[in-house]
Amino acid sequence: MTNKTDLEDFTNELSIDFEKEILPKLNELTSIENCLKFYEKFNFWGSVLQI
């Protein structure tokens, strides 16, 4: 962000990202198996969670 960033637009876009993308995915993580499946694609977290 810079001093030229439209903060209202930024806030709206961030809100949409959370509401439409991030929060629905997190809501699906209702069990250990769901978490392991979701995070296995991330090298660090996938291997750390399986330990």
PDB file of N, CA and C in Angstrom:
ATOM      1  N   MET A   1       0.832  -1.168   0.000  1.00  0.00           N
ATOM      2  CA  MET A   1       0.000   0.000   0.000  1.00  0.00           C
ATOM      3  C   MET A   1       0.880   1.236   0.000  1.00  0.00           C
ATOM      4  N   THR A   2       0.368   2.238  -0.618  1.00  0.00           N
ATOM      5  CA  THR A   2       1.069   3.521  -0.659  1.00  0.00           C
ATOM      6  C   THR A   2       0.086   4.614  -0.254  1.00  0.00           C
ATOM      7  N   ASN A   3       0.584   5.811  -0.236  1.00  0.00           N
ATOM      8  CA  ASN A   3      -0.304   6.932   0.092  1.00  0.00           C
ATOM      9  C   ASN A   3      -1.328   7.197  -1.017  1.00  0.00           C
ATOM     10  N   LYS A   4      -1.160   6.534  -2.166  1.00  0.00           N
ATOM     11  CA  LYS A   4      -2.111   6.687  -3.268  1.00  0.00           C
ATOM     12  C   LYS A   4      -3.147   5.560  -3.302  1.00  0.00           C
ATOM     13  N   THR A   5      -3.035   4.618  -2.392  1.00  0.00           N
ATOM     14  CA  THR A   5      -3.965   3.499  -2.359  1.00  0.00           C
ATOM     15  C   THR A   5      -5.349   3.973  -1.942  1.00  0.00           C
ATOM     16  N   ASP A   6      -6.330   3.544  -2.680  1.00  0.00           N
ATOM     17  CA  ASP A   6      -7.719   3.846  -2.335  1.00  0.00           C
ATOM     18  C   ASP A   6      -8.115   2.896  -1.202  1.00  0.00           C
ATOM     19  N   LEU A   7      -8.145   3.390   0.014  1.00  0.00           N
ATOM     20  CA  LEU A   7      -8.383   2.549   1.176  1.00  0.00           C
ATOM     21  C   LEU A   7      -9.780   1.941   1.181  1.00  0.00           C
ATOM     22  N   GLU A   8     -10.750   2.664   0.696  1.00  0.00           N
ATOM     23  CA  GLU A   8     -12.105   2.107   0.644  1.00  0.00           C
ATOM     24  C   GLU A   8     -12.161   0.920  -0.310  1.00  0.00           C
ATOM     25  N   ASP A   9     -11.539   1.064  -1.461  1.00  0.00           N
ATOM     26  CA  ASP A   9     -11.493  -0.023  -2.431  1.00  0.00           C
ATOM     27  C   ASP A   9     -10.703  -1.211  -1.873  1.00  0.00           C
ATOM     28  N   PHE A  10      -9.586  -0.925  -1.244  1.00  0.00           N
ATOM     29  CA  PHE A  10      -8.767  -1.976  -0.648  1.00  0.00           C
ATOM     30  C   PHE A  10      -9.568  -2.745   0.405  1.00  0.00           C
ATOM     31  N   THR A  11     -10.251  -2.021   1.277  1.00  0.00           N
ATOM     32  CA  THR A  11     -11.046  -2.641   2.333  1.00  0.00           C
ATOM     33  C   THR A  11     -12.167  -3.491   1.743  1.00  0.00           C
ATOM     34  N   ASN A  12     -12.823  -2.990   0.729  1.00  0.00           N
ATOM     35  CA  ASN A  12     -13.886  -3.761   0.069  1.00  0.00           C
ATOM     36  C   ASN A  12     -13.357  -5.042  -0.552  1.00  0.00           C
ATOM     37  N   GLU A  13     -12.247  -4.948  -1.239  1.00  0.00           N
ATOM     38  CA  GLU A  13     -11.667  -6.131  -1.876  1.00  0.00           C
ATOM     39  C   GLU A  13     -11.202  -7.145  -0.837  1.00  0.00           C
ATOM     40  N   LEU A  14     -10.609  -6.684   0.222  1.00  0.00           N
ATOM     41  CA  LEU A  14     -10.155  -7.576   1.281  1.00  0.00           C
ATOM     42  C   LEU A  14     -11.345  -8.273   1.933  1.00  0.00           C
ATOM     43  N   SER A  15     -12.403  -7.527   2.157  1.00  0.00           N
ATOM     44  CA  SER A  15     -13.617  -8.092   2.734  1.00  0.00           C
ATOM     45  C   SER A  15     -14.205  -9.172   1.831  1.00  0.00           C
ATOM     46  N   ILE A  16     -14.247  -8.917   0.542  1.00  0.00           N
ATOM     47  CA  ILE A  16     -14.755  -9.898  -0.411  1.00  0.00           C
ATOM     48  C   ILE A  16     -13.886 -11.148  -0.392  1.00  0.00           C
ATOM     49  N   ASP A  17     -12.562 -10.976  -0.379  1.00  0.00           N
ATOM     50  CA  ASP A  17     -11.657 -12.129  -0.327  1.00  0.00           C
ATOM     51  C   ASP A  17     -11.941 -12.994   0.894  1.00  0.00           C
ATOM     52  N   PHE A  18     -12.091 -12.374   2.048  1.00  0.00           N
ATOM     53  CA  PHE A  18     -12.357 -13.133   3.259  1.00  0.00           C
ATOM     54  C   PHE A  18     -13.721 -13.808   3.209  1.00  0.00           C
ATOM     55  N   GLU A  19     -14.738 -13.080   2.811  1.00  0.00           N
ATOM     56  CA  GLU A  19     -16.097 -13.617   2.818  1.00  0.00           C
ATOM     57  C   GLU A  19     -16.317 -14.706   1.782  1.00  0.00           C
ATOM     58  N   LYS A  20     -15.712 -14.554   0.610  1.00  0.00           N
ATOM     59  CA  LYS A  20     -15.978 -15.484  -0.495  1.00  0.00           C
ATOM     60  C   LYS A  20     -14.948 -16.606  -0.608  1.00  0.00           C
ATOM     61  N   GLU A  21     -13.713 -16.367  -0.168  1.00  0.00           N
ATOM     62  CA  GLU A  21     -12.654 -17.350  -0.381  1.00  0.00           C
ATOM     63  C   GLU A  21     -12.103 -17.948   0.911  1.00  0.00           C
ATOM     64  N   ILE A  22     -11.616 -17.109   1.785  1.00  0.00           N
ATOM     65  CA  ILE A  22     -10.865 -17.591   2.944  1.00  0.00           C
ATOM     66  C   ILE A  22     -11.766 -18.232   3.994  1.00  0.00           C
ATOM     67  N   LEU A  23     -12.768 -17.523   4.454  1.00  0.00           N
ATOM     68  CA  LEU A  23     -13.628 -18.048   5.524  1.00  0.00           C
ATOM     69  C   LEU A  23     -14.382 -19.323   5.126  1.00  0.00           C
ATOM     70  N   PRO A  24     -14.927 -19.414   3.919  1.00  0.00           N
ATOM     71  CA  PRO A  24     -15.579 -20.682   3.553  1.00  0.00           C
ATOM     72  C   PRO A  24     -14.620 -21.876   3.589  1.00  0.00           C
ATOM     73  N   LYS A  25     -13.388 -21.678   3.160  1.00  0.00           N
ATOM     74  CA  LYS A  25     -12.413 -22.773   3.209  1.00  0.00           C
ATOM     75  C   LYS A  25     -12.094 -23.159   4.645  1.00  0.00           C
ATOM     76  N   LEU A  26     -11.933 -22.177   5.502  1.00  0.00           N
ATOM     77  CA  LEU A  26     -11.645 -22.475   6.904  1.00  0.00           C
ATOM     78  C   LEU A  26     -12.823 -23.161   7.586  1.00  0.00           C
ATOM     79  N   ASN A  27     -14.038 -22.799   7.210  1.00  0.00           N
ATOM     80  CA  ASN A  27     -15.225 -23.437   7.778  1.00  0.00           C
ATOM     81  C   ASN A  27     -15.331 -24.911   7.412  1.00  0.00           C
ATOM     82  N   GLU A  28     -14.701 -25.315   6.320  1.00  0.00           N
ATOM     83  CA  GLU A  28     -14.713 -26.718   5.910  1.00  0.00           C
ATOM     84  C   GLU A  28     -13.779 -27.581   6.747  1.00  0.00           C
ATOM     85  N   LEU A  29     -12.873 -26.962   7.463  1.00  0.00           N
ATOM     86  CA  LEU A  29     -11.894 -27.709   8.252  1.00  0.00           C
ATOM     87  C   LEU A  29     -12.508 -28.088   9.600  1.00  0.00           C
ATOM     88  N   THR A  30     -13.315 -29.130   9.577  1.00  0.00           N
ATOM     89  CA  THR A  30     -14.058 -29.524  10.773  1.00  0.00           C
ATOM     90  C   THR A  30     -13.480 -30.740  11.473  1.00  0.00           C
ATOM     91  N   SER A  31     -12.428 -31.310  10.917  1.00  0.00           N
ATOM     92  CA  SER A  31     -11.809 -32.477  11.541  1.00  0.00           C
ATOM     93  C   SER A  31     -10.306 -32.464  11.271  1.00  0.00           C
ATOM     94  N   ILE A  32      -9.610 -33.293  12.001  1.00  0.00           N
ATOM     95  CA  ILE A  32      -8.157 -33.425  11.770  1.00  0.00           C
ATOM     96  C   ILE A  32      -7.893 -33.890  10.344  1.00  0.00           C
ATOM     97  N   GLU A  33      -8.707 -34.807   9.855  1.00  0.00           N
ATOM     98  CA  GLU A  33      -8.529 -35.319   8.497  1.00  0.00           C
ATOM     99  C   GLU A  33      -8.698 -34.199   7.460  1.00  0.00           C
ATOM    100  N   ASN A  34      -9.713 -33.336   7.660  1.00  0.00           N
ATOM    101  CA  ASN A  34      -9.899 -32.201   6.750  1.00  0.00           C
ATOM    102  C   ASN A  34      -8.688 -31.284   6.767  1.00  0.00           C
ATOM    103  N   CYS A  35      -8.164 -31.021   7.948  1.00  0.00           N
ATOM    104  CA  CYS A  35      -6.997 -30.136   8.071  1.00  0.00           C
ATOM    105  C   CYS A  35      -5.781 -30.732   7.383  1.00  0.00           C
ATOM    106  N   LEU A  36      -5.525 -32.024   7.626  1.00  0.00           N
ATOM    107  CA  LEU A  36      -4.383 -32.668   6.988  1.00  0.00           C
ATOM    108  C   LEU A  36      -4.516 -32.647   5.474  1.00  0.00           C
ATOM    109  N   LYS A  37      -5.689 -32.923   4.978  1.00  0.00           N
ATOM    110  CA  LYS A  37      -5.922 -32.923   3.527  1.00  0.00           C
ATOM    111  C   LYS A  37      -5.701 -31.525   2.945  1.00  0.00           C
ATOM    112  N   PHE A  38      -6.234 -30.504   3.614  1.00  0.00           N
ATOM    113  CA  PHE A  38      -6.098 -29.135   3.118  1.00  0.00           C
ATOM    114  C   PHE A  38      -4.644 -28.676   3.128  1.00  0.00           C
ATOM    115  N   TYR A  39      -3.935 -28.933   4.231  1.00  0.00           N
ATOM    116  CA  TYR A  39      -2.592 -28.399   4.387  1.00  0.00           C
ATOM    117  C   TYR A  39      -1.497 -29.265   3.765  1.00  0.00           C
ATOM    118  N   GLU A  40      -1.823 -30.462   3.285  1.00  0.00           N
ATOM    119  CA  GLU A  40      -0.789 -31.323   2.716  1.00  0.00           C
ATOM    120  C   GLU A  40      -0.128 -30.707   1.485  1.00  0.00           C
ATOM    121  N   LYS A  41      -0.829 -29.818   0.806  1.00  0.00           N
ATOM    122  CA  LYS A  41      -0.270 -29.189  -0.399  1.00  0.00           C
ATOM    123  C   LYS A  41       0.773 -28.118  -0.083  1.00  0.00           C
ATOM    124  N   PHE A  42       0.854 -27.715   1.182  1.00  0.00           N
ATOM    125  CA  PHE A  42       1.840 -26.730   1.598  1.00  0.00           C
ATOM    126  C   PHE A  42       3.006 -27.466   2.249  1.00  0.00           C
ATOM    127  N   ASN A  43       4.154 -27.431   1.622  1.00  0.00           N
ATOM    128  CA  ASN A  43       5.293 -28.238   2.042  1.00  0.00           C
ATOM    129  C   ASN A  43       5.540 -28.212   3.545  1.00  0.00           C
ATOM    130  N   PHE A  44       5.691 -27.037   4.104  1.00  0.00           N
ATOM    131  CA  PHE A  44       6.028 -26.956   5.523  1.00  0.00           C
ATOM    132  C   PHE A  44       4.887 -27.464   6.398  1.00  0.00           C
ATOM    133  N   TRP A  45       3.690 -26.905   6.235  1.00  0.00           N
ATOM    134  CA  TRP A  45       2.583 -27.265   7.123  1.00  0.00           C
ATOM    135  C   TRP A  45       2.136 -28.693   6.955  1.00  0.00           C
ATOM    136  N   GLY A  46       2.149 -29.196   5.734  1.00  0.00           N
ATOM    137  CA  GLY A  46       1.728 -30.571   5.514  1.00  0.00           C
ATOM    138  C   GLY A  46       2.588 -31.557   6.259  1.00  0.00           C
ATOM    139  N   SER A  47       3.896 -31.400   6.200  1.00  0.00           N
ATOM    140  CA  SER A  47       4.777 -32.334   6.889  1.00  0.00           C
ATOM    141  C   SER A  47       4.781 -32.118   8.396  1.00  0.00           C
ATOM    142  N   VAL A  48       4.658 -30.889   8.846  1.00  0.00           N
ATOM    143  CA  VAL A  48       4.652 -30.613  10.279  1.00  0.00           C
ATOM    144  C   VAL A  48       3.397 -31.173  10.933  1.00  0.00           C
ATOM    145  N   LEU A  49       2.253 -31.039  10.293  1.00  0.00           N
ATOM    146  CA  LEU A  49       1.003 -31.538  10.864  1.00  0.00           C
ATOM    147  C   LEU A  49       0.954 -33.061  10.915  1.00  0.00           C
ATOM    148  N   GLN A  50       1.671 -33.733  10.052  1.00  0.00           N
ATOM    149  CA  GLN A  50       1.629 -35.195  10.029  1.00  0.00           C
ATOM    150  C   GLN A  50       2.519 -35.812  11.084  1.00  0.00           C
ATOM    151  N   ILE A  51       3.368 -35.030  11.694  1.00  0.00           N
ATOM    152  CA  ILE A  51       4.284 -35.553  12.724  1.00  0.00           C
ATOM    153  C   ILE A  51       3.537 -35.852  13.985  1.00  0.00           C
TER     154      ILE A  51
END
